[in-house]
Amino acid sequence: MTTYSLNLVYPLFAMFLLSAIVLLTMFRARVRAVKAGQIKAGYFKTYEGANIPEDVIKTARHFSNLFETPVLFYVICLLGIIFSIDNKLFVVLAWAYVAARSVHAYVHMGRNKLPIRMLTYTFSWLIMVVMWAILFFKLAF
C-alpha cells in the first residue's frame, strides 16, 4: 500500500465524524422537541401520528441521507486503499468530498437554502464521479 492510499483513512474517519455529529444533532433536536411538548416520546415507536417540528425532520432526513450516496464514497475510498491508488489528486478529492458533504449538512440542517443545498450536493457527486473515473482508468490501463 502506498502512503497516498493509506491517507484515505483520514477522510473516511472525517465522514464517520460527520455522521456522528449529525446523529447527536438529531438526538438533541428530538429530546428538545419532546421536552418542549411539541411531540410525545411515543411518536418514535412508529414515527406516525404527530406534527413534527422542522428541525427534527431536517436532522432525521439528513442522517438518513448520510447512508445513501456517501456509502459510494466509502466504497471508492476502500477500493482506493485496496488497489493502492498512489494519486495525490485522489486524496485531495476525498477531502473535497468530505468538505462538500459537511457544507451540505450545515446548509440542510440550518437555514436549508435549497439552491445552495443542491449546489453542494451536486458538487459532492461530481467529486465522487471523478474519483470513480480515476479508479477505473487505473485498473483499466
C-alpha atoms as a PDB file:
ATOM      1  CA  MET A   1       0.000   0.000   0.000  1.00  0.00           C
ATOM      2  CA  THR A   2       1.158   3.485  -0.754  1.00  0.00           C
ATOM      3  CA  THR A   3       1.238   6.468   1.569  1.00  0.00           C
ATOM      4  CA  TYR A   4      -1.420   8.135  -0.561  1.00  0.00           C
ATOM      5  CA  SER A   5      -3.788   5.193  -0.367  1.00  0.00           C
ATOM      6  CA  LEU A   6      -3.344   4.953   3.413  1.00  0.00           C
ATOM      7  CA  ASN A   7      -4.067   8.679   3.645  1.00  0.00           C
ATOM      8  CA  LEU A   8      -7.608   7.831   2.523  1.00  0.00           C
ATOM      9  CA  VAL A   9      -8.298   6.564   6.034  1.00  0.00           C
ATOM     10  CA  TYR A  10      -8.430  10.153   7.296  1.00  0.00           C
ATOM     11  CA  PRO A  11     -11.275  11.371   5.063  1.00  0.00           C
ATOM     12  CA  LEU A  12     -13.117   8.131   5.838  1.00  0.00           C
ATOM     13  CA  PHE A  13     -12.781   8.912   9.530  1.00  0.00           C
ATOM     14  CA  ALA A  14     -13.905  12.504   8.893  1.00  0.00           C
ATOM     15  CA  MET A  15     -17.090  11.218   7.213  1.00  0.00           C
ATOM     16  CA  PHE A  16     -17.666   8.981  10.223  1.00  0.00           C
ATOM     17  CA  LEU A  17     -17.297  12.029  12.481  1.00  0.00           C
ATOM     18  CA  LEU A  18     -19.746  13.989  10.329  1.00  0.00           C
ATOM     19  CA  SER A  19     -22.264  11.159  10.689  1.00  0.00           C
ATOM     20  CA  ALA A  20     -21.721  11.103  14.454  1.00  0.00           C
ATOM     21  CA  ILE A  21     -22.203  14.861  14.709  1.00  0.00           C
ATOM     22  CA  VAL A  22     -25.427  14.683  12.693  1.00  0.00           C
ATOM     23  CA  LEU A  23     -26.611  11.785  14.870  1.00  0.00           C
ATOM     24  CA  LEU A  24     -26.022  13.819  18.041  1.00  0.00           C
ATOM     25  CA  THR A  25     -27.706  16.854  16.491  1.00  0.00           C
ATOM     26  CA  MET A  26     -30.713  14.717  15.562  1.00  0.00           C
ATOM     27  CA  PHE A  27     -30.904  13.262  19.075  1.00  0.00           C
ATOM     28  CA  ARG A  28     -30.732  16.736  20.650  1.00  0.00           C
ATOM     29  CA  ALA A  29     -33.494  18.017  18.340  1.00  0.00           C
ATOM     30  CA  ARG A  30     -35.711  15.089  19.278  1.00  0.00           C
ATOM     31  CA  VAL A  31     -35.127  15.476  23.020  1.00  0.00           C
ATOM     32  CA  ARG A  32     -35.718  19.218  22.791  1.00  0.00           C
ATOM     33  CA  ALA A  33     -38.999  18.680  20.914  1.00  0.00           C
ATOM     34  CA  VAL A  34     -40.227  16.133  23.472  1.00  0.00           C
ATOM     35  CA  LYS A  35     -39.260  18.361  26.412  1.00  0.00           C
ATOM     36  CA  ALA A  36     -40.999  21.331  24.776  1.00  0.00           C
ATOM     37  CA  GLY A  37     -44.168  19.258  24.378  1.00  0.00           C
ATOM     38  CA  GLN A  38     -44.073  19.553  20.583  1.00  0.00           C
ATOM     39  CA  ILE A  39     -44.245  15.772  20.208  1.00  0.00           C
ATOM     40  CA  LYS A  40     -44.733  12.831  22.544  1.00  0.00           C
ATOM     41  CA  ALA A  41     -41.875  10.380  23.085  1.00  0.00           C
ATOM     42  CA  GLY A  42     -44.209   7.601  21.912  1.00  0.00           C
ATOM     43  CA  TYR A  43     -44.093   9.068  18.421  1.00  0.00           C
ATOM     44  CA  PHE A  44     -40.694   7.431  17.966  1.00  0.00           C
ATOM     45  CA  LYS A  45     -42.172   3.944  18.350  1.00  0.00           C
ATOM     46  CA  THR A  46     -43.839   4.046  14.925  1.00  0.00           C
ATOM     47  CA  TYR A  47     -42.978   7.528  13.590  1.00  0.00           C
ATOM     48  CA  GLU A  48     -46.658   8.175  12.924  1.00  0.00           C
ATOM     49  CA  GLY A  49     -49.400  10.433  14.145  1.00  0.00           C
ATOM     50  CA  ALA A  50     -47.686  13.676  15.043  1.00  0.00           C
ATOM     51  CA  ASN A  51     -46.986  17.111  13.665  1.00  0.00           C
ATOM     52  CA  ILE A  52     -43.182  17.062  13.708  1.00  0.00           C
ATOM     53  CA  PRO A  53     -41.068  20.204  14.198  1.00  0.00           C
ATOM     54  CA  GLU A  54     -38.951  21.171  11.204  1.00  0.00           C
ATOM     55  CA  ASP A  55     -35.585  20.740  12.940  1.00  0.00           C
ATOM     56  CA  VAL A  56     -36.500  17.178  13.922  1.00  0.00           C
ATOM     57  CA  ILE A  57     -37.453  16.378  10.327  1.00  0.00           C
ATOM     58  CA  LYS A  58     -34.358  18.023   8.814  1.00  0.00           C
ATOM     59  CA  THR A  59     -31.877  16.329  11.123  1.00  0.00           C
ATOM     60  CA  ALA A  60     -33.520  12.910  10.714  1.00  0.00           C
ATOM     61  CA  ARG A  61     -33.623  13.291   6.944  1.00  0.00           C
ATOM     62  CA  HIS A  62     -30.012  14.363   6.809  1.00  0.00           C
ATOM     63  CA  PHE A  63     -28.893  11.480   8.996  1.00  0.00           C
ATOM     64  CA  SER A  64     -30.653   9.075   6.618  1.00  0.00           C
ATOM     65  CA  ASN A  65     -29.049  10.879   3.685  1.00  0.00           C
ATOM     66  CA  LEU A  66     -25.602  10.091   5.104  1.00  0.00           C
ATOM     67  CA  PHE A  67     -26.343   6.407   4.476  1.00  0.00           C
ATOM     68  CA  GLU A  68     -27.300   6.891   0.849  1.00  0.00           C
ATOM     69  CA  THR A  69     -24.729   8.347  -1.576  1.00  0.00           C
ATOM     70  CA  PRO A  70     -21.893   8.602   0.988  1.00  0.00           C
ATOM     71  CA  VAL A  71     -21.860   4.801   1.016  1.00  0.00           C
ATOM     72  CA  LEU A  72     -20.447   5.011  -2.520  1.00  0.00           C
ATOM     73  CA  PHE A  73     -17.759   7.330  -1.150  1.00  0.00           C
ATOM     74  CA  TYR A  74     -16.820   4.755   1.491  1.00  0.00           C
ATOM     75  CA  VAL A  75     -16.606   2.104  -1.223  1.00  0.00           C
ATOM     76  CA  ILE A  76     -14.420   4.177  -3.554  1.00  0.00           C
ATOM     77  CA  CYS A  77     -12.043   5.064  -0.727  1.00  0.00           C
ATOM     78  CA  LEU A  78     -11.773   1.443   0.378  1.00  0.00           C
ATOM     79  CA  LEU A  79     -11.118   0.410  -3.220  1.00  0.00           C
ATOM     80  CA  GLY A  80      -8.501   3.149  -3.417  1.00  0.00           C
ATOM     81  CA  ILE A  81      -6.781   1.620  -0.403  1.00  0.00           C
ATOM     82  CA  ILE A  82      -7.101  -1.949  -1.683  1.00  0.00           C
ATOM     83  CA  PHE A  83      -5.787  -1.105  -5.162  1.00  0.00           C
ATOM     84  CA  SER A  84      -3.127   1.298  -3.808  1.00  0.00           C
ATOM     85  CA  ILE A  85      -4.247   4.383  -5.672  1.00  0.00           C
ATOM     86  CA  ASP A  86      -0.982   6.328  -5.471  1.00  0.00           C
ATOM     87  CA  ASN A  87      -2.504   9.546  -6.654  1.00  0.00           C
ATOM     88  CA  LYS A  88      -2.377  12.737  -4.591  1.00  0.00           C
ATOM     89  CA  LEU A  89      -5.367  14.073  -6.543  1.00  0.00           C
ATOM     90  CA  PHE A  90      -7.447  11.104  -5.326  1.00  0.00           C
ATOM     91  CA  VAL A  91      -6.741  12.007  -1.693  1.00  0.00           C
ATOM     92  CA  VAL A  92      -7.457  15.696  -2.324  1.00  0.00           C
ATOM     93  CA  LEU A  93     -10.753  14.739  -3.963  1.00  0.00           C
ATOM     94  CA  ALA A  94     -11.651  12.572  -0.969  1.00  0.00           C
ATOM     95  CA  TRP A  95     -11.121  15.550   1.343  1.00  0.00           C
ATOM     96  CA  ALA A  96     -13.072  17.790  -1.052  1.00  0.00           C
ATOM     97  CA  TYR A  97     -15.958  15.308  -0.892  1.00  0.00           C
ATOM     98  CA  VAL A  98     -15.932  15.423   2.904  1.00  0.00           C
ATOM     99  CA  ALA A  99     -15.868  19.225   2.797  1.00  0.00           C
ATOM    100  CA  ALA A 100     -18.766  19.354   0.331  1.00  0.00           C
ATOM    101  CA  ARG A 101     -20.818  16.952   2.436  1.00  0.00           C
ATOM    102  CA  SER A 102     -20.045  18.957   5.567  1.00  0.00           C
ATOM    103  CA  VAL A 103     -21.262  22.143   3.899  1.00  0.00           C
ATOM    104  CA  HIS A 104     -24.298  20.237   2.659  1.00  0.00           C
ATOM    105  CA  ALA A 105     -25.059  19.121   6.233  1.00  0.00           C
ATOM    106  CA  TYR A 106     -24.639  22.660   7.562  1.00  0.00           C
ATOM    107  CA  VAL A 107     -26.962  24.071   4.908  1.00  0.00           C
ATOM    108  CA  HIS A 108     -29.559  21.288   5.143  1.00  0.00           C
ATOM    109  CA  MET A 109     -29.840  21.321   8.916  1.00  0.00           C
ATOM    110  CA  GLY A 110     -29.530  25.096   9.115  1.00  0.00           C
ATOM    111  CA  ARG A 111     -31.434  27.586   7.014  1.00  0.00           C
ATOM    112  CA  ASN A 112     -31.965  24.922   4.345  1.00  0.00           C
ATOM    113  CA  LYS A 113     -31.472  27.213   1.356  1.00  0.00           C
ATOM    114  CA  LEU A 114     -32.380  24.872  -1.476  1.00  0.00           C
ATOM    115  CA  PRO A 115     -30.170  26.372  -4.254  1.00  0.00           C
ATOM    116  CA  ILE A 116     -27.052  26.175  -2.051  1.00  0.00           C
ATOM    117  CA  ARG A 117     -28.011  22.727  -0.830  1.00  0.00           C
ATOM    118  CA  MET A 118     -28.494  21.485  -4.401  1.00  0.00           C
ATOM    119  CA  LEU A 119     -25.178  23.018  -5.483  1.00  0.00           C
ATOM    120  CA  THR A 120     -23.186  21.373  -2.683  1.00  0.00           C
ATOM    121  CA  TYR A 121     -24.929  18.045  -3.247  1.00  0.00           C
ATOM    122  CA  THR A 122     -24.202  18.161  -6.980  1.00  0.00           C
ATOM    123  CA  PHE A 123     -20.597  19.193  -6.330  1.00  0.00           C
ATOM    124  CA  SER A 124     -20.109  16.239  -3.986  1.00  0.00           C
ATOM    125  CA  TRP A 125     -21.472  13.903  -6.677  1.00  0.00           C
ATOM    126  CA  LEU A 126     -19.129  15.345  -9.303  1.00  0.00           C
ATOM    127  CA  ILE A 127     -16.168  14.846  -6.985  1.00  0.00           C
ATOM    128  CA  MET A 128     -17.131  11.240  -6.452  1.00  0.00           C
ATOM    129  CA  VAL A 129     -17.608  10.638 -10.187  1.00  0.00           C
ATOM    130  CA  VAL A 130     -14.057  11.871 -10.787  1.00  0.00           C
ATOM    131  CA  MET A 131     -12.790   9.544  -8.048  1.00  0.00           C
ATOM    132  CA  TRP A 132     -14.545   6.585  -9.690  1.00  0.00           C
ATOM    133  CA  ALA A 133     -13.095   7.619 -13.074  1.00  0.00           C
ATOM    134  CA  ILE A 134      -9.570   7.706 -11.614  1.00  0.00           C
ATOM    135  CA  LEU A 135     -10.042   4.220 -10.201  1.00  0.00           C
ATOM    136  CA  PHE A 136     -11.475   2.932 -13.467  1.00  0.00           C
ATOM    137  CA  PHE A 137      -8.564   4.297 -15.521  1.00  0.00           C
ATOM    138  CA  LYS A 138      -6.002   2.968 -13.063  1.00  0.00           C
ATOM    139  CA  LEU A 139      -7.467  -0.518 -13.265  1.00  0.00           C
ATOM    140  CA  ALA A 140      -8.220  -0.450 -16.995  1.00  0.00           C
ATOM    141  CA  PHE A 141      -4.868   0.861 -18.230  1.00  0.00           C
END
